[in-house]
Amino acid sequence: MRGAHLFDETSALRWAEIIADSNPMTNPSGSCSCGAVKYRLTSAPMFIHCCHCTDCQRQTGSAFVLNALIEADRVELLDGEPRPYPQPTDSGRPHVIHRCADCGTALWSNYGGREEIRFVRIGTLNEAHAMLPDVHIYTRSKQPWLQLPGAGAGAGTITGKPAVVCEAYYDSSKLWPSKSLARRKAIFG
């Protein structure tokens, strides 16, 4: 992989370079803090969110969370077994965070009772620096000191375009690439 620069114009290609090699040892992998749970992504994610909602802020103890949306069957467990922790949400819809039972690191979430898609925490990936958001969501509740990048500041990993900024959620049919939409349709019809 070429040297990674956070906002270089080829950021969308960096992810493709990471997963292009069919050798399983080079597929993007990640783990919890203590290393008890290890996993690998077997394909590129469908889309990458940077969520600024108050639930994510509270659950992470941070200003936002970065999630790679990917089919559950494309997240291969290599070691250990994460423990599910149901979470209360402002919306009332189900949200389950899967954490290492030993160290508590959040590895991924399932939202709305949909176990078929995982929202993998970017920070747990070994190649996290190559994963730039395609969209910023729920920016109406972002921290006021946080300045979001303007147009042209960097390309999202999946779309290759500057991240779209949304006050709430968004219409995936308008933002997701056609290949990602096809993958989503294969899951939900």
Protein backbone atom coordinates (compact mmCIF):
# COMPACT_ATOMS: atom_id res chain seq x y z
CA MET A 1 0.00 0.00 0.00
CA ARG A 2 1.19 3.50 -0.79
CA GLY A 3 1.84 5.88 2.07
CA ALA A 4 -1.49 6.99 3.50
CA HIS A 5 -2.28 10.71 3.61
CA LEU A 6 -5.49 11.55 5.40
CA PHE A 7 -6.87 13.87 2.73
CA ASP A 8 -5.17 12.85 -0.46
CA GLU A 9 -7.19 12.53 -3.66
CA THR A 10 -6.63 8.79 -3.94
CA SER A 11 -8.18 7.89 -0.58
CA ALA A 12 -10.91 5.82 -2.24
CA LEU A 13 -8.23 3.72 -3.89
CA ARG A 14 -6.40 3.02 -0.61
CA TRP A 15 -9.18 0.76 0.62
CA ALA A 16 -9.23 -1.10 -2.70
CA GLU A 17 -5.48 -1.64 -2.38
CA ILE A 18 -5.89 -3.07 1.11
CA ILE A 19 -8.46 -5.67 0.05
CA ALA A 20 -7.21 -6.34 -3.49
CA ASP A 21 -4.75 -9.03 -2.46
CA SER A 22 -6.63 -12.33 -2.10
CA ASN A 23 -4.13 -13.55 0.51
CA PRO A 24 -6.21 -13.80 3.72
CA MET A 25 -3.27 -12.51 5.75
CA THR A 26 -3.57 -9.14 4.00
CA ASN A 27 -7.35 -8.73 4.25
CA PRO A 28 -8.24 -5.87 6.58
CA SER A 29 -8.39 -7.14 10.10
CA GLY A 30 -9.00 -5.72 13.52
CA SER A 31 -9.27 -6.55 17.18
CA CYS A 32 -10.32 -5.33 20.56
CA SER A 33 -7.84 -3.58 22.87
CA CYS A 34 -6.72 -6.74 24.66
CA GLY A 35 -6.61 -8.92 21.53
CA ALA A 36 -9.08 -11.52 22.81
CA VAL A 37 -11.43 -10.89 19.86
CA LYS A 38 -9.95 -10.69 16.37
CA TYR A 39 -11.78 -10.41 13.07
CA ARG A 40 -11.26 -9.82 9.35
CA LEU A 41 -13.37 -8.10 6.70
CA THR A 42 -13.67 -10.26 3.59
CA SER A 43 -14.71 -7.36 1.34
CA ALA A 44 -14.88 -3.60 1.27
CA PRO A 45 -17.72 -2.09 3.29
CA MET A 46 -20.83 -0.80 1.54
CA PHE A 47 -20.55 2.71 3.00
CA ILE A 48 -18.84 4.56 5.85
CA HIS A 49 -20.70 6.75 8.35
CA CYS A 50 -19.40 9.35 10.73
CA CYS A 51 -22.29 9.62 13.20
CA HIS A 52 -22.68 12.63 15.45
CA CYS A 53 -25.94 11.61 17.21
CA THR A 54 -26.21 11.95 20.96
CA ASP A 55 -26.56 8.16 21.38
CA CYS A 56 -23.19 7.59 19.67
CA GLN A 57 -21.59 10.39 21.67
CA ARG A 58 -22.84 8.90 24.93
CA GLN A 59 -21.96 5.29 24.04
CA THR A 60 -18.45 6.08 22.82
CA GLY A 61 -17.58 8.90 25.18
CA SER A 62 -16.48 10.86 22.13
CA ALA A 63 -17.77 13.48 19.72
CA PHE A 64 -18.72 10.92 17.03
CA VAL A 65 -18.23 7.35 15.88
CA LEU A 66 -16.92 6.01 12.54
CA ASN A 67 -18.73 2.92 11.29
CA ALA A 68 -18.13 0.76 8.21
CA LEU A 69 -21.42 -0.77 7.07
CA ILE A 70 -20.88 -4.32 5.87
CA GLU A 71 -22.79 -7.58 5.59
CA ALA A 72 -22.50 -9.70 8.74
CA ASP A 73 -21.31 -12.71 6.73
CA ARG A 74 -18.38 -10.63 5.47
CA VAL A 75 -17.03 -10.15 9.00
CA GLU A 76 -15.03 -13.27 9.79
CA LEU A 77 -14.26 -13.96 13.45
CA LEU A 78 -10.67 -15.15 13.81
CA ASP A 79 -10.50 -15.46 17.59
CA GLY A 80 -12.82 -14.98 20.53
CA GLU A 81 -16.51 -14.16 20.62
CA PRO A 82 -17.89 -10.68 21.25
CA ARG A 83 -20.69 -10.27 23.76
CA PRO A 84 -23.90 -8.43 22.74
CA TYR A 85 -24.99 -5.47 24.88
CA PRO A 86 -28.47 -4.07 24.12
CA GLN A 87 -28.54 -0.27 24.38
CA PRO A 88 -31.29 2.23 25.13
CA THR A 89 -31.77 4.66 22.24
CA ASP A 90 -33.47 8.01 21.79
CA SER A 91 -35.50 6.50 18.93
CA GLY A 92 -36.59 3.41 20.87
CA ARG A 93 -35.38 1.14 18.04
CA PRO A 94 -33.11 -1.81 18.93
CA HIS A 95 -29.37 -1.19 19.06
CA VAL A 96 -26.97 -3.92 20.12
CA ILE A 97 -23.26 -3.20 20.60
CA HIS A 98 -20.98 -6.23 20.33
CA ARG A 99 -18.05 -5.84 22.73
CA CYS A 100 -15.12 -7.89 23.90
CA ALA A 101 -16.24 -9.59 27.11
CA ASP A 102 -12.74 -9.11 28.58
CA CYS A 103 -11.81 -5.48 27.81
CA GLY A 104 -15.17 -3.99 26.75
CA THR A 105 -14.00 -2.62 23.38
CA ALA A 106 -16.95 -1.99 21.04
CA LEU A 107 -16.27 -3.92 17.81
CA TRP A 108 -19.54 -3.44 15.90
CA SER A 109 -23.22 -2.68 16.28
CA ASN A 110 -26.47 -3.92 14.82
CA TYR A 111 -29.26 -1.35 14.51
CA GLY A 112 -33.01 -1.72 14.20
CA GLY A 113 -32.94 -5.45 14.87
CA ARG A 114 -31.17 -6.07 11.57
CA GLU A 115 -28.51 -8.67 12.28
CA GLU A 116 -27.62 -8.96 8.57
CA ILE A 117 -25.60 -5.72 8.54
CA ARG A 118 -22.83 -4.79 10.94
CA PHE A 119 -21.64 -1.30 11.68
CA VAL A 120 -17.97 -2.10 12.30
CA ARG A 121 -16.09 0.40 14.46
CA ILE A 122 -13.39 1.80 12.18
CA GLY A 123 -11.02 2.42 15.10
CA THR A 124 -10.74 -1.32 15.77
CA LEU A 125 -9.34 -2.00 12.28
CA ASN A 126 -5.59 -2.24 11.83
CA GLU A 127 -5.94 -0.09 8.69
CA ALA A 128 -8.22 2.53 10.26
CA HIS A 129 -6.23 5.37 8.68
CA ALA A 130 -7.43 4.26 5.23
CA MET A 131 -11.12 4.56 6.13
CA LEU A 132 -12.54 8.02 5.49
CA PRO A 133 -16.26 8.75 5.96
CA ASP A 134 -18.58 8.95 2.98
CA VAL A 135 -21.20 10.83 5.02
CA HIS A 136 -21.52 12.75 8.29
CA ILE A 137 -24.94 12.06 9.85
CA TYR A 138 -26.94 13.68 12.64
CA THR A 139 -24.78 16.77 12.47
CA ARG A 140 -27.63 18.73 14.10
CA SER A 141 -26.28 17.31 17.38
CA LYS A 142 -22.55 17.45 16.61
CA GLN A 143 -20.31 19.15 19.12
CA PRO A 144 -20.23 22.88 18.35
CA TRP A 145 -16.42 23.06 18.44
CA LEU A 146 -16.10 20.37 15.74
CA GLN A 147 -15.52 21.81 12.28
CA LEU A 148 -16.46 19.41 9.47
CA PRO A 149 -14.35 19.31 6.31
CA GLY A 150 -15.62 21.42 3.45
CA ALA A 151 -16.12 20.32 -0.13
CA GLY A 152 -12.91 19.05 -1.67
CA ALA A 153 -11.24 18.41 1.69
CA GLY A 154 -11.02 14.69 1.08
CA ALA A 155 -12.68 11.80 -0.67
CA GLY A 156 -14.80 9.24 1.13
CA THR A 157 -13.42 5.72 1.04
CA ILE A 158 -16.33 4.10 -0.82
CA THR A 159 -17.71 6.96 -2.91
CA GLY A 160 -14.42 8.65 -3.75
CA LYS A 161 -16.24 11.99 -3.29
CA PRO A 162 -16.14 14.53 -0.46
CA ALA A 163 -18.24 13.39 2.50
CA VAL A 164 -21.84 14.59 2.44
CA VAL A 165 -23.04 16.39 5.58
CA CYS A 166 -26.58 15.58 6.78
CA GLU A 167 -28.45 17.11 9.70
CA ALA A 168 -30.25 13.79 10.28
CA TYR A 169 -30.18 10.51 8.36
CA TYR A 170 -30.25 10.35 4.56
CA ASP A 171 -31.68 8.48 1.60
CA SER A 172 -29.20 5.71 0.77
CA SER A 173 -30.55 5.49 -2.79
CA LYS A 174 -29.19 9.00 -3.38
CA LEU A 175 -25.76 8.61 -1.76
CA TRP A 176 -24.63 5.00 -1.98
CA PRO A 177 -22.75 3.73 -5.04
CA SER A 178 -24.77 1.35 -7.23
CA LYS A 179 -22.68 -1.69 -6.22
CA SER A 180 -23.33 -0.98 -2.54
CA LEU A 181 -27.06 -0.55 -3.21
CA ALA A 182 -27.09 -3.91 -5.00
CA ARG A 183 -25.43 -5.57 -2.00
CA ARG A 184 -28.01 -3.98 0.33
CA LYS A 185 -30.86 -5.12 -1.91
CA ALA A 186 -29.48 -8.69 -1.90
CA ILE A 187 -29.93 -8.66 1.89
CA PHE A 188 -33.25 -6.91 2.32
CA GLY A 189 -34.88 -7.34 -1.08
